[in-house]
């Protein structure tokens, strides 16, 4: 029996573009929300019919800013997913939202249609850092959004935070973590800032107007954050993700474990039956019916991707699952990479799993290079 799918729906609308963002998002296009919702619903129904209404156990509404959609539009999409797919009774249904965009009506629409997890893009508790990032909200908006979410009945709440910001330091990050914990979330994602080429923040750093933390400082901040959050009862289960017991993100875990998922909406990607599929990135192309791009994933590429994603998990890569999927054990597929990284102390094998050591986490990119096809 096939494992249930994960379902992802992309909403590309934003009020403004953040200074660090290179994600597929389109500010100032709110007039297209209604036709976009109709197109997404049509795609969902067509794909569900094509696949025979398969089972699914996670849904993730991401963006962009899903919370910019009208309550009726988000309801339409969630109803279409239930009609087209056999959602598990205990399905995890997550919606991303930006502080300052949530309304009681939108949250009620989510809850009425089964959404049970909310992920807020808080990023920082410091006003100067929010301005630096080009965020449209303030910390007071985060606090207000958390209150609204709890009042609406969301018992599973994540806050996205950012570390490694110019001038942040451990003291600044600790202040954000403390204020985030004060809101009593159930899950925290703490991502290191990555400077993407062509973004305003990247250009400012290249110009010399901002200075990024050095490698050693960023590493110290990272491990301080891990220790701080674990002491507060948030266990690290992935390189950037922490949860109270019972609140790990099932949708993301499925992705890291290389399970199949389908993507709907502009730029959305999916992976199923050994093929990768990506929709056209622009809203206009998507609405015009432009065909998605599809490609077969080679056995060699699949092996690397399983390792790359599995090693992000603190528990590491399930070696038995790898062997079943690839038809050969990891030492047969990557003999030198495994032996070399074990010898260098970057990997360890324990209880049927291959995982990064603490030192391996610090140089994860270097370790993964050895596994590249």
Protein backbone atom coordinates (compact mmCIF):
# COMPACT_ATOMS: atom_id res chain seq x y z
CA UNK A 1 0.00 0.00 0.00
CA UNK A 2 1.45 3.38 -1.03
CA UNK A 3 2.30 5.85 1.71
CA UNK A 4 -0.03 8.88 1.82
CA UNK A 5 1.11 11.93 -0.11
CA UNK A 6 1.99 15.37 1.13
CA UNK A 7 0.18 18.26 -0.59
CA UNK A 8 1.66 21.74 -1.04
CA UNK A 9 -0.20 24.81 -2.34
CA UNK A 10 1.71 27.97 -3.22
CA UNK A 11 0.24 31.46 -2.83
CA UNK A 12 2.64 33.95 -4.45
CA UNK A 13 1.01 37.18 -3.24
CA UNK A 14 2.91 39.60 -0.98
CA UNK A 15 2.37 43.15 0.20
CA UNK A 16 6.03 43.92 -0.42
CA UNK A 17 9.24 42.05 -1.22
CA UNK A 18 11.54 41.43 1.75
CA UNK A 19 15.16 42.53 1.38
CA UNK A 20 16.52 38.95 1.56
CA UNK A 21 13.82 37.15 -0.44
CA UNK A 22 14.32 35.36 -3.74
CA UNK A 23 11.25 33.12 -3.31
CA UNK A 24 8.57 33.15 -6.03
CA UNK A 25 6.32 35.98 -4.82
CA UNK A 26 4.58 38.90 -6.50
CA UNK A 27 3.84 42.15 -4.63
CA UNK A 28 0.96 44.28 -5.88
CA UNK A 29 -0.93 41.47 -7.62
CA UNK A 30 -3.83 41.10 -5.19
CA UNK A 31 -6.37 41.73 -7.99
CA UNK A 32 -5.46 38.28 -9.33
CA UNK A 33 -6.32 36.42 -6.14
CA UNK A 34 -9.79 35.31 -7.23
CA UNK A 35 -8.79 33.90 -10.65
CA UNK A 36 -5.71 32.39 -9.03
CA UNK A 37 -7.81 30.57 -6.42
CA UNK A 38 -10.07 29.23 -9.20
CA UNK A 39 -7.08 28.03 -11.22
CA UNK A 40 -5.51 26.32 -8.21
CA UNK A 41 -8.79 24.56 -7.40
CA UNK A 42 -9.06 23.38 -11.01
CA UNK A 43 -5.50 22.05 -10.92
CA UNK A 44 -6.12 20.26 -7.62
CA UNK A 45 -9.28 18.56 -8.92
CA UNK A 46 -7.68 17.58 -12.22
CA UNK A 47 -4.62 16.09 -10.53
CA UNK A 48 -6.71 14.24 -7.95
CA UNK A 49 -8.87 12.73 -10.68
CA UNK A 50 -5.82 11.78 -12.74
CA UNK A 51 -4.30 9.93 -9.79
CA UNK A 52 -7.52 8.31 -8.59
CA UNK A 53 -8.08 10.39 -5.43
CA UNK A 54 -5.05 9.07 -3.56
CA UNK A 55 -4.56 9.30 0.20
CA UNK A 56 -2.78 12.30 1.72
CA UNK A 57 -1.80 12.96 5.32
CA UNK A 58 -0.27 16.46 5.26
CA UNK A 59 -1.19 19.75 3.63
CA UNK A 60 0.99 22.87 3.59
CA UNK A 61 -0.29 26.25 2.37
CA UNK A 62 2.83 28.32 1.72
CA UNK A 63 3.98 31.46 -0.01
CA UNK A 64 4.34 34.28 -0.50
CA UNK A 65 1.64 35.18 1.98
CA UNK A 66 -1.34 32.80 2.08
CA UNK A 67 -2.95 35.03 4.72
CA UNK A 68 -3.46 37.73 2.05
CA UNK A 69 -6.12 35.53 0.44
CA UNK A 70 -9.77 36.25 1.19
CA UNK A 71 -11.43 33.84 3.66
CA UNK A 72 -13.74 32.50 0.93
CA UNK A 73 -10.79 31.87 -1.38
CA UNK A 74 -8.79 29.91 1.18
CA UNK A 75 -11.96 27.92 1.97
CA UNK A 76 -12.38 27.06 -1.72
CA UNK A 77 -8.85 25.70 -1.93
CA UNK A 78 -9.14 23.61 1.23
CA UNK A 79 -12.50 22.18 0.08
CA UNK A 80 -10.99 21.30 -3.30
CA UNK A 81 -8.17 19.41 -1.57
CA UNK A 82 -10.68 17.37 0.45
CA UNK A 83 -12.74 16.60 -2.64
CA UNK A 84 -9.77 15.58 -4.80
CA UNK A 85 -7.75 13.64 -2.22
CA UNK A 86 -8.55 11.26 0.59
CA UNK A 87 -7.27 13.26 3.55
CA UNK A 88 -6.46 11.27 6.67
CA UNK A 89 -8.71 12.07 9.66
CA UNK A 90 -5.65 13.24 11.58
CA UNK A 91 -4.03 15.06 8.63
CA UNK A 92 -1.67 17.87 9.57
CA UNK A 93 -2.88 20.99 7.71
CA UNK A 94 -0.53 23.97 8.00
CA UNK A 95 -0.99 27.53 6.79
CA UNK A 96 1.81 30.08 6.68
CA UNK A 97 0.93 33.65 7.61
CA UNK A 98 2.64 36.98 8.05
CA UNK A 99 2.04 38.96 11.24
CA UNK A 100 -0.25 41.90 10.63
CA UNK A 101 -2.20 40.15 7.85
CA UNK A 102 -4.31 37.78 9.95
CA UNK A 103 -7.97 38.46 10.64
CA UNK A 104 -10.50 36.55 12.75
CA UNK A 105 -12.49 35.80 9.57
CA UNK A 106 -9.46 34.29 7.81
CA UNK A 107 -8.54 32.17 10.84
CA UNK A 108 -12.14 31.01 11.17
CA UNK A 109 -12.13 29.93 7.51
CA UNK A 110 -8.98 27.92 8.13
CA UNK A 111 -10.38 26.20 11.20
CA UNK A 112 -13.77 25.49 9.58
CA UNK A 113 -11.95 23.69 6.78
CA UNK A 114 -9.69 21.58 8.94
CA UNK A 115 -6.48 23.60 9.24
CA UNK A 116 -4.83 22.76 12.55
CA UNK A 117 -1.33 24.27 12.36
CA UNK A 118 -0.24 27.89 11.82
CA UNK A 119 3.27 29.06 10.93
CA UNK A 120 4.01 32.76 11.53
CA UNK A 121 6.91 34.55 9.82
CA UNK A 122 8.06 36.45 12.92
CA UNK A 123 11.82 36.56 11.99
CA UNK A 124 13.02 38.89 14.76
CA UNK A 125 11.83 40.61 17.94
CA UNK A 126 14.09 43.60 17.29
CA UNK A 127 12.62 46.50 15.33
CA UNK A 128 15.94 47.44 13.73
CA UNK A 129 16.44 43.90 12.41
CA UNK A 130 12.90 43.78 11.01
CA UNK A 131 13.57 47.03 9.13
CA UNK A 132 16.88 45.65 7.87
CA UNK A 133 15.08 42.57 6.55
CA UNK A 134 12.44 44.71 4.88
CA UNK A 135 9.64 43.12 6.88
CA UNK A 136 6.27 44.89 6.84
CA UNK A 137 5.41 44.02 10.46
CA UNK A 138 6.59 44.85 13.96
CA UNK A 139 6.89 42.59 17.00
CA UNK A 140 3.59 43.90 18.35
CA UNK A 141 1.98 42.40 15.22
CA UNK A 142 3.51 39.02 16.09
CA UNK A 143 2.05 39.18 19.59
CA UNK A 144 -1.37 40.20 18.24
CA UNK A 145 -1.30 37.41 15.63
CA UNK A 146 -0.47 34.79 18.25
CA UNK A 147 -3.40 35.96 20.39
CA UNK A 148 -5.75 35.75 17.40
CA UNK A 149 -4.48 32.30 16.47
CA UNK A 150 -4.97 30.91 19.97
CA UNK A 151 -8.43 32.48 20.20
CA UNK A 152 -9.32 30.79 16.90
CA UNK A 153 -8.35 27.42 18.38
CA UNK A 154 -4.92 26.77 16.88
CA UNK A 155 -3.14 24.47 19.31
CA UNK A 156 -0.10 23.96 17.06
CA UNK A 157 1.79 27.17 16.39
CA UNK A 158 5.20 27.69 14.79
CA UNK A 159 7.28 30.87 14.72
CA UNK A 160 9.90 31.35 11.99
CA UNK A 161 12.99 33.20 13.23
CA UNK A 162 16.25 34.25 11.58
CA UNK A 163 19.82 34.16 12.84
CA UNK A 164 23.17 35.26 11.47
CA UNK A 165 21.93 38.77 10.66
CA UNK A 166 24.36 41.68 10.22
CA UNK A 167 25.18 43.07 13.66
CA UNK A 168 22.92 40.59 15.46
CA UNK A 169 25.34 38.67 17.67
CA UNK A 170 24.34 36.11 20.29
CA UNK A 171 22.87 38.77 22.59
CA UNK A 172 20.50 39.95 19.89
CA UNK A 173 19.48 36.43 18.87
CA UNK A 174 18.97 35.44 22.51
CA UNK A 175 16.63 38.39 23.02
CA UNK A 176 14.53 37.27 20.04
CA UNK A 177 14.46 33.67 21.29
CA UNK A 178 13.42 34.79 24.79
CA UNK A 179 10.59 36.94 23.48
CA UNK A 180 9.49 34.19 21.12
CA UNK A 181 9.38 31.67 23.97
CA UNK A 182 7.32 34.16 25.95
CA UNK A 183 4.55 33.66 23.38
CA UNK A 184 4.46 29.93 24.19
CA UNK A 185 4.80 28.51 20.66
CA UNK A 186 4.82 24.77 20.05
CA UNK A 187 7.48 24.79 17.35
CA UNK A 188 10.32 27.11 16.35
CA UNK A 189 12.20 27.29 13.06
CA UNK A 190 15.45 29.22 13.36
CA UNK A 191 17.02 29.70 9.94
CA UNK A 192 20.41 31.23 9.23
CA UNK A 193 20.25 34.14 6.82
CA UNK A 194 21.45 33.16 3.35
CA UNK A 195 22.43 36.01 1.08
CA UNK A 196 20.79 35.30 -2.25
CA UNK A 197 22.36 36.89 -5.30
CA UNK A 198 20.48 39.91 -6.60
CA UNK A 199 18.49 40.67 -3.43
CA UNK A 200 18.70 44.17 -1.88
CA UNK A 201 20.34 42.80 1.26
CA UNK A 202 22.99 40.97 -0.75
CA UNK A 203 23.77 44.12 -2.75
CA UNK A 204 24.11 46.15 0.44
CA UNK A 205 26.57 43.65 1.91
CA UNK A 206 28.58 43.56 -1.33
CA UNK A 207 28.66 47.37 -1.33
CA UNK A 208 30.17 47.31 2.16
CA UNK A 209 27.21 48.93 3.90
CA UNK A 210 26.57 45.88 6.07
CA UNK A 211 28.89 43.27 7.57
CA UNK A 212 27.85 39.67 7.98
CA UNK A 213 29.01 37.70 11.05
CA UNK A 214 32.12 35.61 10.57
CA UNK A 215 32.04 31.84 10.31
CA UNK A 216 33.12 31.26 13.89
CA UNK A 217 30.65 33.79 15.29
CA UNK A 218 27.79 32.30 13.31
CA UNK A 219 28.73 28.81 14.47
CA UNK A 220 28.82 29.97 18.09
CA UNK A 221 25.39 31.62 17.71
CA UNK A 222 23.98 28.43 16.22
CA UNK A 223 25.12 26.12 19.01
CA UNK A 224 24.16 28.65 21.69
CA UNK A 225 20.67 28.71 20.19
CA UNK A 226 20.47 24.89 20.12
CA UNK A 227 21.47 24.65 23.80
CA UNK A 228 19.18 27.53 24.79
CA UNK A 229 16.12 26.07 23.08
CA UNK A 230 16.71 22.53 24.27
CA UNK A 231 17.01 23.82 27.84
CA UNK A 232 13.60 25.45 27.30
CA UNK A 233 12.05 22.12 26.28
CA UNK A 234 12.36 22.45 22.49
CA UNK A 235 14.16 19.41 21.10
CA UNK A 236 16.13 19.91 17.91
CA UNK A 237 15.03 17.39 15.28
CA UNK A 238 16.38 19.02 12.11
CA UNK A 239 19.25 21.39 11.49
CA UNK A 240 17.01 24.48 11.89
CA UNK A 241 13.87 23.12 13.58
CA UNK A 242 12.88 22.65 17.21
CA UNK A 243 9.68 21.35 18.75
CA UNK A 244 8.00 20.56 22.01
CA UNK A 245 7.14 16.84 22.34
CA UNK A 246 4.50 15.83 19.81
CA UNK A 247 4.81 18.96 17.65
CA UNK A 248 7.35 18.08 14.96
CA UNK A 249 6.21 19.27 11.53
CA UNK A 250 5.00 16.11 9.80
CA UNK A 251 4.85 17.70 6.35
CA UNK A 252 8.49 18.77 6.44
CA UNK A 253 9.57 15.47 7.98
CA UNK A 254 8.01 13.67 5.02
CA UNK A 255 10.04 15.87 2.65
CA UNK A 256 13.28 15.27 4.55
CA UNK A 257 12.55 11.54 4.51
CA UNK A 258 12.13 11.75 0.71
CA UNK A 259 8.46 10.87 0.68
CA UNK A 260 6.27 11.82 -2.27
CA UNK A 261 4.38 15.11 -2.45
CA UNK A 262 2.39 17.12 -4.99
CA UNK A 263 2.60 20.87 -5.57
CA UNK A 264 -0.17 23.19 -6.78
CA UNK A 265 -0.04 26.83 -7.89
CA UNK A 266 2.51 29.02 -9.61
CA UNK A 267 6.12 27.77 -9.13
CA UNK A 268 4.98 24.86 -6.95
CA UNK A 269 7.06 21.71 -7.23
CA UNK A 270 6.22 18.09 -6.59
CA UNK A 271 7.91 14.70 -6.58
CA UNK A 272 6.04 11.45 -7.18
CA UNK A 273 6.47 8.16 -9.01
CA UNK A 274 10.12 8.92 -9.69
CA UNK A 275 9.39 12.20 -11.46
CA UNK A 276 9.87 15.83 -10.49
CA UNK A 277 7.25 18.34 -11.64
CA UNK A 278 7.34 22.15 -11.42
CA UNK A 279 4.65 24.63 -12.42
CA UNK A 280 5.50 27.84 -14.33
CA UNK A 281 6.87 30.47 -11.92
CA UNK A 282 4.87 33.51 -13.03
CA UNK A 283 1.24 34.10 -12.09
CA UNK A 284 0.35 35.14 -15.65
CA UNK A 285 1.87 32.00 -17.18
CA UNK A 286 0.18 29.82 -14.59
CA UNK A 287 -3.23 31.45 -15.19
CA UNK A 288 -2.80 31.06 -18.95
CA UNK A 289 -2.46 27.31 -18.52
CA UNK A 290 1.24 26.97 -19.33
CA UNK A 291 2.34 23.37 -18.92
CA UNK A 292 4.51 22.30 -15.98
CA UNK A 293 8.05 21.09 -16.50
CA UNK A 294 8.62 17.41 -15.75
CA UNK A 295 11.71 15.26 -15.53
CA UNK A 296 12.59 11.78 -14.42
CA UNK A 297 14.84 11.59 -11.37
CA UNK A 298 17.73 9.20 -12.02
CA UNK A 299 18.59 6.54 -9.48
CA UNK A 300 21.91 8.29 -8.88
CA UNK A 301 20.28 11.67 -8.27
CA UNK A 302 17.67 10.09 -6.02
CA UNK A 303 20.40 8.48 -3.92
CA UNK A 304 22.16 11.81 -3.43
CA UNK A 305 18.93 13.62 -2.61
CA UNK A 306 18.01 11.00 -0.01
CA UNK A 307 21.37 11.51 1.68
CA UNK A 308 21.24 15.32 1.42
CA UNK A 309 17.78 15.52 2.98
CA UNK A 310 18.21 12.70 5.50
CA UNK A 311 21.39 14.16 6.96
CA UNK A 312 19.52 17.38 7.79
CA UNK A 313 17.68 15.39 10.47
CA UNK A 314 19.24 15.06 13.90
CA UNK A 315 18.33 11.35 13.83
CA UNK A 316 19.98 11.09 10.43
CA UNK A 317 19.36 8.88 7.42
CA UNK A 318 17.42 5.63 7.87
CA UNK A 319 19.81 3.11 6.30
CA UNK A 320 17.25 0.33 5.89
CA UNK A 321 14.84 2.69 4.12
CA UNK A 322 17.66 3.89 1.87
CA UNK A 323 18.55 0.32 0.95
CA UNK A 324 14.94 -0.59 0.15
CA UNK A 325 14.43 2.48 -2.01
CA UNK A 326 17.75 2.29 -3.87
CA UNK A 327 18.08 -1.46 -4.12
CA UNK A 328 21.52 -1.34 -2.50
CA UNK A 329 23.04 -0.29 0.80
CA UNK A 330 24.63 3.12 1.22
CA UNK A 331 28.13 1.66 1.41
CA UNK A 332 27.61 0.07 -1.98
CA UNK A 333 26.27 3.27 -3.51
CA UNK A 334 28.72 5.72 -1.85
CA UNK A 335 31.63 3.60 -0.56
CA UNK A 336 34.30 6.33 -0.49
CA UNK A 337 32.06 9.15 0.74
CA UNK A 338 30.81 7.12 3.69
CA UNK A 339 34.24 5.77 4.65
CA UNK A 340 35.98 9.16 4.33
CA UNK A 341 33.38 11.08 6.36
CA UNK A 342 33.27 8.43 9.07
CA UNK A 343 37.06 8.56 9.29
CA UNK A 344 37.08 12.37 9.51
CA UNK A 345 34.52 12.30 12.31
CA UNK A 346 31.86 14.14 10.30
CA UNK A 347 29.48 11.17 10.24
CA UNK A 348 28.60 8.41 12.67
CA UNK A 349 26.52 5.26 12.30
CA UNK A 350 24.27 4.40 15.19
CA UNK A 351 21.09 2.35 15.61
CA UNK A 352 20.64 1.81 11.89
CA UNK A 353 21.09 5.44 10.96
CA UNK A 354 23.85 7.50 9.42
CA UNK A 355 23.99 10.97 10.91
CA UNK A 356 26.14 14.03 11.16
CA UNK A 357 28.22 14.56 14.27
CA UNK A 358 28.29 18.01 15.88
CA UNK A 359 31.41 18.74 13.84
CA UNK A 360 29.63 17.45 10.75
CA UNK A 361 26.75 19.87 11.28
CA UNK A 362 29.28 22.72 11.26
CA UNK A 363 30.62 21.70 7.84
CA UNK A 364 27.57 19.98 6.39
CA UNK A 365 28.07 21.39 2.89
CA UNK A 366 31.62 20.06 2.82
CA UNK A 367 30.50 16.60 3.88
CA UNK A 368 27.76 16.50 1.24
CA UNK A 369 30.17 17.37 -1.55
CA UNK A 370 31.61 13.87 -1.29
CA UNK A 371 28.19 12.37 -2.13
CA UNK A 372 27.56 14.45 -5.25
CA UNK A 373 27.04 12.32 -8.36
